[in-house]
C-alpha atoms as a PDB file:
ATOM      1  CA  MET A   1    -150.663  99.573 -52.409  1.00  0.00           C
ATOM      2  CA  ARG A   2    -149.596 102.720 -50.631  1.00  0.00           C
ATOM      3  CA  THR A   3    -150.363 101.070 -47.262  1.00  0.00           C
ATOM      4  CA  ALA A   4    -148.202  98.046 -48.163  1.00  0.00           C
ATOM      5  CA  ARG A   5    -145.230 100.264 -49.105  1.00  0.00           C
ATOM      6  CA  ARG A   6    -145.595 102.292 -45.861  1.00  0.00           C
ATOM      7  CA  ALA A   7    -145.562  98.978 -43.859  1.00  0.00           C
ATOM      8  CA  ALA A   8    -142.484  97.797 -45.757  1.00  0.00           C
ATOM      9  CA  VAL A   9    -140.663 101.034 -45.112  1.00  0.00           C
ATOM     10  CA  ALA A  10    -141.643 100.887 -41.483  1.00  0.00           C
ATOM     11  CA  VAL A  11    -140.379  97.366 -41.205  1.00  0.00           C
ATOM     12  CA  ALA A  12    -137.094  98.297 -42.836  1.00  0.00           C
ATOM     13  CA  ALA A  13    -136.515 101.255 -40.690  1.00  0.00           C
ATOM     14  CA  GLY A  14    -137.232  99.213 -37.558  1.00  0.00           C
ATOM     15  CA  GLY A  15    -134.754  96.514 -38.770  1.00  0.00           C
ATOM     16  CA  LEU A  16    -132.198  99.144 -39.457  1.00  0.00           C
ATOM     17  CA  ALA A  17    -132.562 100.536 -36.002  1.00  0.00           C
ATOM     18  CA  LEU A  18    -132.246  97.089 -34.459  1.00  0.00           C
ATOM     19  CA  ALA A  19    -129.117  96.471 -36.564  1.00  0.00           C
ATOM     20  CA  LEU A  20    -127.503  99.695 -35.470  1.00  0.00           C
ATOM     21  CA  ALA A  21    -128.299  98.932 -31.779  1.00  0.00           C
ATOM     22  CA  GLY A  22    -126.868  95.428 -32.176  1.00  0.00           C
ATOM     23  CA  CYS A  23    -123.531  96.944 -33.519  1.00  0.00           C
ATOM     24  CA  GLY A  24    -122.851  99.197 -30.494  1.00  0.00           C
ATOM     25  CA  PRO A  25    -120.781  98.373 -27.498  1.00  0.00           C
ATOM     26  CA  ALA A  26    -122.100  95.877 -24.950  1.00  0.00           C
ATOM     27  CA  PRO A  27    -123.778  97.598 -22.140  1.00  0.00           C
ATOM     28  CA  TRP A  28    -121.233  96.360 -19.551  1.00  0.00           C
ATOM     29  CA  GLU A  29    -118.453  98.262 -21.623  1.00  0.00           C
ATOM     30  CA  TYR A  30    -120.146 101.598 -20.686  1.00  0.00           C
ATOM     31  CA  GLY A  31    -119.774 101.112 -16.930  1.00  0.00           C
ATOM     32  CA  ASP A  32    -121.157 103.724 -14.617  1.00  0.00           C
ATOM     33  CA  GLY A  33    -121.386 106.980 -16.384  1.00  0.00           C
ATOM     34  CA  ASP A  34    -120.753 109.007 -13.200  1.00  0.00           C
ATOM     35  CA  ALA A  35    -117.823 106.986 -12.045  1.00  0.00           C
ATOM     36  CA  THR A  36    -114.196 107.984 -12.722  1.00  0.00           C
ATOM     37  CA  PRO A  37    -111.361 105.526 -13.141  1.00  0.00           C
ATOM     38  CA  SER A  38    -109.675 104.546  -9.958  1.00  0.00           C
ATOM     39  CA  PRO A  39    -105.937 104.987  -9.945  1.00  0.00           C
ATOM     40  CA  THR A  40    -103.936 102.059  -9.305  1.00  0.00           C
ATOM     41  CA  ALA A  41    -102.385 102.129  -5.796  1.00  0.00           C
ATOM     42  CA  SER A  42     -98.738 101.899  -5.610  1.00  0.00           C
ATOM     43  CA  THR A  43     -96.919 100.937  -2.498  1.00  0.00           C
ATOM     44  CA  ALA A  44     -93.293 102.090  -2.670  1.00  0.00           C
ATOM     45  CA  SER A  45     -91.114 100.857   0.121  1.00  0.00           C
ATOM     46  CA  PRO A  46     -89.596 103.723   2.037  1.00  0.00           C
ATOM     47  CA  ALA A  47     -85.935 104.175   1.855  1.00  0.00           C
ATOM     48  CA  PRO A  48     -84.110 103.003   4.908  1.00  0.00           C
ATOM     49  CA  ALA A  49     -83.003 105.822   7.240  1.00  0.00           C
ATOM     50  CA  PRO A  50     -79.212 106.442   7.155  1.00  0.00           C
ATOM     51  CA  VAL A  51     -77.361 105.146  10.198  1.00  0.00           C
ATOM     52  CA  PRO A  52     -75.655 107.876  12.131  1.00  0.00           C
ATOM     53  CA  ASN A  53     -71.995 107.773  12.332  1.00  0.00           C
ATOM     54  CA  ASP A  54     -70.053 109.933  14.778  1.00  0.00           C
ATOM     55  CA  LEU A  55     -66.808 108.974  13.050  1.00  0.00           C
ATOM     56  CA  SER A  56     -67.998 109.603   9.519  1.00  0.00           C
ATOM     57  CA  SER A  57     -65.493 112.498   9.136  1.00  0.00           C
ATOM     58  CA  GLY A  58     -62.753 110.460  10.606  1.00  0.00           C
ATOM     59  CA  SER A  59     -62.779 111.918  14.086  1.00  0.00           C
ATOM     60  CA  THR A  60     -65.020 113.790  16.550  1.00  0.00           C
ATOM     61  CA  GLN A  61     -64.422 115.814  19.829  1.00  0.00           C
ATOM     62  CA  ARG A  62     -66.518 115.959  22.906  1.00  0.00           C
ATOM     63  CA  GLU A  63     -66.518 118.167  25.935  1.00  0.00           C
ATOM     64  CA  LEU A  64     -67.502 116.282  29.115  1.00  0.00           C
ATOM     65  CA  VAL A  65     -68.302 117.941  32.446  1.00  0.00           C
ATOM     66  CA  ALA A  66     -68.072 116.020  35.717  1.00  0.00           C
ATOM     67  CA  GLY A  67     -68.363 118.278  38.749  1.00  0.00           C
ATOM     68  CA  ALA A  68     -65.347 120.572  38.755  1.00  0.00           C
ATOM     69  CA  VAL A  69     -63.685 118.687  35.922  1.00  0.00           C
ATOM     70  CA  THR A  70     -64.159 119.561  32.225  1.00  0.00           C
ATOM     71  CA  ALA A  71     -62.595 116.871  29.914  1.00  0.00           C
ATOM     72  CA  THR A  72     -62.013 117.458  26.254  1.00  0.00           C
ATOM     73  CA  VAL A  73     -61.844 114.039  24.410  1.00  0.00           C
ATOM     74  CA  ASP A  74     -60.857 113.430  20.843  1.00  0.00           C
ATOM     75  CA  TYR A  75     -61.942 110.209  19.221  1.00  0.00           C
ATOM     76  CA  TRP A  76     -60.676 108.604  15.968  1.00  0.00           C
ATOM     77  CA  SER A  77     -60.029 105.379  14.186  1.00  0.00           C
ATOM     78  CA  THR A  78     -57.005 104.495  12.137  1.00  0.00           C
ATOM     79  CA  LEU A  79     -59.327 102.130  10.172  1.00  0.00           C
ATOM     80  CA  SER A  80     -61.372 103.730   7.368  1.00  0.00           C
ATOM     81  CA  MET A  81     -65.177 103.484   7.720  1.00  0.00           C
ATOM     82  CA  ASP A  82     -65.627 101.214   4.803  1.00  0.00           C
ATOM     83  CA  LEU A  83     -63.423  98.684   6.537  1.00  0.00           C
ATOM     84  CA  TRP A  84     -65.604  98.795   9.747  1.00  0.00           C
ATOM     85  CA  THR A  85     -67.209  95.351   8.892  1.00  0.00           C
ATOM     86  CA  ALA A  86     -68.922  93.004  11.282  1.00  0.00           C
ATOM     87  CA  ASP A  87     -66.106  90.684  11.621  1.00  0.00           C
ATOM     88  CA  ALA A  88     -63.145  93.154  11.534  1.00  0.00           C
ATOM     89  CA  VAL A  89     -61.168  94.309  14.558  1.00  0.00           C
ATOM     90  CA  LYS A  90     -62.091  97.954  14.758  1.00  0.00           C
ATOM     91  CA  PRO A  91     -59.668 100.274  16.688  1.00  0.00           C
ATOM     92  CA  VAL A  92     -60.993 103.363  18.422  1.00  0.00           C
ATOM     93  CA  SER A  93     -58.304 105.833  19.748  1.00  0.00           C
ATOM     94  CA  ILE A  94     -58.833 108.536  22.442  1.00  0.00           C
ATOM     95  CA  SER A  95     -56.899 111.498  23.596  1.00  0.00           C
ATOM     96  CA  MET A  96     -57.938 113.472  26.649  1.00  0.00           C
ATOM     97  CA  VAL A  97     -56.900 116.620  28.586  1.00  0.00           C
ATOM     98  CA  THR A  98     -58.804 118.173  31.496  1.00  0.00           C
ATOM     99  CA  GLU A  99     -59.289 121.498  33.177  1.00  0.00           C
ATOM    100  CA  VAL A 100     -60.553 122.120  36.724  1.00  0.00           C
ATOM    101  CA  SER A 101     -62.737 125.019  37.968  1.00  0.00           C
ATOM    102  CA  PRO A 102     -62.112 126.926  40.153  1.00  0.00           C
ATOM    103  CA  ASP A 103     -58.446 126.363  39.358  1.00  0.00           C
ATOM    104  CA  ASP A 104     -56.714 126.723  42.909  1.00  0.00           C
ATOM    105  CA  GLY A 105     -53.718 124.612  41.754  1.00  0.00           C
ATOM    106  CA  GLN A 106     -55.165 121.151  42.531  1.00  0.00           C
ATOM    107  CA  LYS A 107     -54.457 118.379  40.094  1.00  0.00           C
ATOM    108  CA  VAL A 108     -56.826 115.993  38.272  1.00  0.00           C
ATOM    109  CA  TYR A 109     -56.087 112.222  37.860  1.00  0.00           C
ATOM    110  CA  LEU A 110     -57.659 109.569  35.712  1.00  0.00           C
ATOM    111  CA  GLN A 111     -58.219 106.394  37.665  1.00  0.00           C
ATOM    112  CA  SER A 112     -59.700 104.395  34.772  1.00  0.00           C
ATOM    113  CA  ALA A 113     -61.167 104.524  31.242  1.00  0.00           C
ATOM    114  CA  THR A 114     -63.670 101.878  30.153  1.00  0.00           C
ATOM    115  CA  MET A 115     -65.308 101.134  26.838  1.00  0.00           C
ATOM    116  CA  VAL A 116     -68.399  98.825  26.197  1.00  0.00           C
ATOM    117  CA  ALA A 117     -69.418  98.124  22.630  1.00  0.00           C
ATOM    118  CA  VAL A 118     -73.043  97.328  22.016  1.00  0.00           C
ATOM    119  CA  ALA A 119     -74.240  96.106  18.703  1.00  0.00           C
ATOM    120  CA  HIS A 120     -77.712  97.010  17.252  1.00  0.00           C
ATOM    121  CA  ASP A 121     -79.616  96.008  14.135  1.00  0.00           C
ATOM    122  CA  GLY A 122     -81.297  98.375  11.654  1.00  0.00           C
ATOM    123  CA  ASP A 123     -84.367  98.652  13.823  1.00  0.00           C
ATOM    124  CA  GLY A 124     -82.356  99.691  16.888  1.00  0.00           C
ATOM    125  CA  GLU A 125     -82.780  96.333  18.662  1.00  0.00           C
ATOM    126  CA  THR A 126     -79.832  95.244  20.859  1.00  0.00           C
ATOM    127  CA  LEU A 127     -77.988  92.208  19.326  1.00  0.00           C
ATOM    128  CA  SER A 128     -75.140  91.834  21.797  1.00  0.00           C
ATOM    129  CA  ALA A 129     -72.778  93.571  24.157  1.00  0.00           C
ATOM    130  CA  LEU A 130     -69.086  92.869  23.973  1.00  0.00           C
ATOM    131  CA  ASP A 131     -66.985  92.503  27.062  1.00  0.00           C
ATOM    132  CA  PRO A 132     -65.903  95.822  28.629  1.00  0.00           C
ATOM    133  CA  GLN A 133     -62.336  96.968  28.010  1.00  0.00           C
ATOM    134  CA  SER A 134     -60.800  98.989  30.769  1.00  0.00           C
ATOM    135  CA  ASP A 135     -57.479 100.876  31.357  1.00  0.00           C
ATOM    136  CA  THR A 136     -56.968 101.152  35.146  1.00  0.00           C
ATOM    137  CA  SER A 137     -54.004 103.117  36.350  1.00  0.00           C
ATOM    138  CA  ALA A 138     -51.282 101.115  37.949  1.00  0.00           C
ATOM    139  CA  VAL A 139     -49.906 104.154  39.730  1.00  0.00           C
ATOM    140  CA  SER A 140     -51.607 106.022  42.573  1.00  0.00           C
ATOM    141  CA  PRO A 141     -53.717 108.212  42.553  1.00  0.00           C
ATOM    142  CA  GLY A 142     -54.014 107.842  38.639  1.00  0.00           C
ATOM    143  CA  TYR A 143     -52.843 109.248  35.490  1.00  0.00           C
ATOM    144  CA  LEU A 144     -52.168 113.028  35.525  1.00  0.00           C
ATOM    145  CA  VAL A 145     -54.562 114.533  32.873  1.00  0.00           C
ATOM    146  CA  LEU A 146     -54.602 118.162  33.958  1.00  0.00           C
ATOM    147  CA  SER A 147     -53.621 120.419  30.934  1.00  0.00           C
ATOM    148  CA  PRO A 148     -50.964 120.410  29.587  1.00  0.00           C
ATOM    149  CA  TYR A 149     -50.629 116.652  30.447  1.00  0.00           C
ATOM    150  CA  SER A 150     -52.877 114.345  28.452  1.00  0.00           C
ATOM    151  CA  TYR A 151     -54.040 110.786  28.205  1.00  0.00           C
ATOM    152  CA  SER A 152     -54.070 108.544  25.192  1.00  0.00           C
ATOM    153  CA  GLN A 153     -55.398 105.077  24.644  1.00  0.00           C
ATOM    154  CA  THR A 154     -56.666 102.764  21.953  1.00  0.00           C
ATOM    155  CA  PHE A 155     -59.583 100.209  22.413  1.00  0.00           C
ATOM    156  CA  ASN A 156     -60.519  97.572  19.946  1.00  0.00           C
ATOM    157  CA  VAL A 157     -64.076  96.744  18.859  1.00  0.00           C
ATOM    158  CA  GLY A 158     -64.205  92.910  18.143  1.00  0.00           C
ATOM    159  CA  ALA A 159     -66.395  90.913  15.907  1.00  0.00           C
ATOM    160  CA  VAL A 160     -70.142  91.539  16.135  1.00  0.00           C
ATOM    161  CA  PRO A 161     -73.209  89.789  14.616  1.00  0.00           C
ATOM    162  CA  ALA A 162     -73.341  89.802  10.670  1.00  0.00           C
ATOM    163  CA  ASP A 163     -76.598  91.736  10.812  1.00  0.00           C
ATOM    164  CA  THR A 164     -75.231  94.564  12.944  1.00  0.00           C
ATOM    165  CA  ALA A 165     -76.207  98.059  11.577  1.00  0.00           C
ATOM    166  CA  TYR A 166     -74.122 100.092  14.070  1.00  0.00           C
ATOM    167  CA  VAL A 167     -72.430  99.886  17.424  1.00  0.00           C
ATOM    168  CA  GLN A 168     -72.769 102.214  20.309  1.00  0.00           C
ATOM    169  CA  LEU A 169     -69.433 102.806  22.093  1.00  0.00           C
ATOM    170  CA  GLN A 170     -70.125 103.604  25.738  1.00  0.00           C
ATOM    171  CA  PHE A 171     -67.214 105.270  27.549  1.00  0.00           C
ATOM    172  CA  THR A 172     -66.750 105.864  31.269  1.00  0.00           C
ATOM    173  CA  TYR A 173     -64.006 107.980  32.830  1.00  0.00           C
ATOM    174  CA  ASP A 174     -63.274 107.937  36.566  1.00  0.00           C
ATOM    175  CA  PHE A 175     -61.292 111.033  37.837  1.00  0.00           C
ATOM    176  CA  LEU A 176     -59.707 111.954  41.197  1.00  0.00           C
ATOM    177  CA  VAL A 177     -59.514 115.590  42.038  1.00  0.00           C
ATOM    178  CA  GLN A 178     -57.294 116.928  44.794  1.00  0.00           C
ATOM    179  CA  THR A 179     -59.411 118.809  47.392  1.00  0.00           C
ATOM    180  CA  THR A 180     -56.512 121.323  47.908  1.00  0.00           C
ATOM    181  CA  PRO A 181     -53.175 121.631  45.963  1.00  0.00           C
ATOM    182  CA  THR A 182     -51.260 119.914  48.744  1.00  0.00           C
ATOM    183  CA  SER A 183     -53.894 117.547  49.975  1.00  0.00           C
ATOM    184  CA  LYS A 184     -53.709 113.797  49.681  1.00  0.00           C
ATOM    185  CA  GLU A 185     -57.510 113.601  49.845  1.00  0.00           C
ATOM    186  CA  TYR A 186     -59.353 113.342  46.622  1.00  0.00           C
ATOM    187  CA  ALA A 187     -62.837 113.775  45.245  1.00  0.00           C
ATOM    188  CA  LYS A 188     -64.021 111.246  42.730  1.00  0.00           C
ATOM    189  CA  GLN A 189     -65.959 112.475  39.503  1.00  0.00           C
ATOM    190  CA  THR A 190     -67.236 110.307  36.756  1.00  0.00           C
ATOM    191  CA  ALA A 191     -67.977 111.304  33.198  1.00  0.00           C
ATOM    192  CA  SER A 192     -69.507 109.187  30.469  1.00  0.00           C
ATOM    193  CA  ASP A 193     -69.896 109.462  26.758  1.00  0.00           C
ATOM    194  CA  THR A 194     -71.404 107.449  23.786  1.00  0.00           C
ATOM    195  CA  LEU A 195     -70.512 107.218  20.238  1.00  0.00           C
ATOM    196  CA  THR A 196     -72.532 105.650  17.382  1.00  0.00           C
ATOM    197  CA  VAL A 197     -70.418 104.143  14.629  1.00  0.00           C
ATOM    198  CA  ALA A 198     -72.067 102.552  11.474  1.00  0.00           C
ATOM    199  CA  ILE A 199     -71.064  99.027  10.521  1.00  0.00           C
ATOM    200  CA  PHE A 200     -70.295  98.746   6.698  1.00  0.00           C
ATOM    201  CA  GLN A 201     -72.226  96.042   5.023  1.00  0.00           C
ATOM    202  CA  PRO A 202     -70.316  94.721   1.905  1.00  0.00           C
ATOM    203  CA  GLY A 203     -72.429  95.002  -1.249  1.00  0.00           C
ATOM    204  CA  GLU A 204     -74.247  98.197  -0.022  1.00  0.00           C
END
């Protein structure tokens, strides 16, 4: 009788153990005990780099050196930067005065001033170049630009492709410098400059 009871108890205990084992989580729910959860990778798009704008404050000044000539050039636009859209006519004004070194009394004349506008997309790729605009002196030997005399002009940047992010304005200035104060012989000097101006995209 005692043997039968012991067998019954053993069977009951074994059944309880099996029942408890059957109630636990499934083996695949444990996973690898040594593994740590892998963080979910997130790929955030980098913010686009801001487009440089040399006229962001409304104007800028440059000092250009060409041989003996030093030209101080002011650039500005009467059109606010939020209106510099792709299809707008965008004016750029310049004002220039020069000095010569050594200053022996010779004069400096501006033969011509030229602007070429080149459109670029956000990746810096060239989209198009507008036709050059040039102001060539109708008087010989040119416009007197030696301080205190100055030169002023306005060029217009026309329509550019709709996906233009900025335009580069390439300026070229051709000067004639007297070889002596009384001479009718001149030395030619050329100065160049580039401005970058952002094109405003409506909805930005």
